[in-house]
Amino acid sequence: MAGRQTVIALKLFAAADGDVASKHTQDLIALRPTDAELEAARPWVVEQDALDEFAQIVDEVIDHVLTHR
């Protein structure tokens, strides 16, 4: 069974691969992650995609989650 931090990281990764209306983004918002939990997940998520733009996409998802949690 995955722990909370792992679920947050996986949902952030999946949300960054979709859009803000995706189920993964909505699931992430429902988890109500703290700033610290999102900051802890970010480095792993960014490493999962080699595109330079991916880090910016991850940051946009984080901003969206912070606004809507």
Protein backbone atom coordinates (compact mmCIF):
# COMPACT_ATOMS: atom_id res chain seq x y z
CA MET A 1 0.00 0.00 0.00
CA ALA A 2 1.37 3.41 -0.96
CA GLY A 3 1.86 6.06 1.68
CA ARG A 4 0.39 9.54 1.49
CA GLN A 5 3.57 11.20 0.18
CA THR A 6 3.89 8.59 -2.58
CA VAL A 7 0.25 9.06 -3.61
CA ILE A 8 0.74 12.84 -3.74
CA ALA A 9 3.84 12.45 -5.92
CA LEU A 10 2.12 10.03 -8.28
CA LYS A 11 -1.00 12.18 -8.56
CA LEU A 12 1.15 15.27 -9.21
CA PHE A 13 3.01 13.42 -11.96
CA ALA A 14 -0.24 12.21 -13.55
CA ALA A 15 -1.82 15.67 -13.26
CA ALA A 16 1.19 17.27 -14.96
CA ASP A 17 0.69 14.89 -17.87
CA GLY A 18 -2.95 15.94 -18.27
CA ASP A 19 -4.83 19.14 -17.64
CA VAL A 20 -6.32 20.90 -14.64
CA ALA A 21 -9.70 19.29 -15.27
CA SER A 22 -8.26 15.76 -15.11
CA LYS A 23 -9.30 13.21 -12.51
CA HIS A 24 -5.72 13.18 -11.22
CA THR A 25 -5.76 16.92 -10.59
CA GLN A 26 -9.12 16.66 -8.85
CA ASP A 27 -7.84 13.74 -6.75
CA LEU A 28 -4.76 15.75 -5.80
CA ILE A 29 -6.90 18.70 -4.73
CA ALA A 30 -9.10 16.35 -2.69
CA LEU A 31 -6.00 15.13 -0.82
CA ARG A 32 -5.45 18.73 0.35
CA PRO A 33 -1.64 18.42 0.28
CA THR A 34 0.37 20.84 2.38
CA ASP A 35 2.95 23.15 0.85
CA ALA A 36 5.66 20.91 2.32
CA GLU A 37 4.14 17.77 0.79
CA LEU A 38 4.02 19.37 -2.66
CA GLU A 39 7.57 20.69 -2.30
CA ALA A 40 8.76 17.21 -1.32
CA ALA A 41 7.03 15.62 -4.34
CA ARG A 42 8.22 18.16 -6.92
CA PRO A 43 11.85 17.00 -7.41
CA TRP A 44 10.88 13.39 -8.07
CA VAL A 45 8.08 14.40 -10.44
CA VAL A 46 10.31 16.77 -12.44
CA GLU A 47 12.91 14.01 -12.87
CA GLN A 48 10.37 11.76 -14.59
CA ASP A 49 10.29 13.77 -17.84
CA ALA A 50 13.28 15.07 -19.79
CA LEU A 51 11.44 17.98 -21.42
CA ASP A 52 12.65 21.34 -20.17
CA GLU A 53 9.07 22.59 -20.10
CA PHE A 54 7.94 19.81 -17.78
CA ALA A 55 9.21 21.58 -14.63
CA GLN A 56 7.09 24.61 -15.57
CA ILE A 57 4.05 22.39 -16.11
CA VAL A 58 4.57 20.79 -12.70
CA ASP A 59 4.81 24.25 -11.12
CA GLU A 60 1.57 25.29 -12.83
CA VAL A 61 -0.20 22.22 -11.47
CA ILE A 62 1.16 22.94 -7.98
CA ASP A 63 -0.07 26.54 -8.21
CA HIS A 64 -3.49 25.32 -9.31
CA VAL A 65 -3.68 22.85 -6.43
CA LEU A 66 -2.59 25.49 -3.91
CA THR A 67 -5.32 27.80 -5.17
CA HIS A 68 -8.08 25.17 -5.11
CA ARG A 69 -7.32 22.95 -2.13
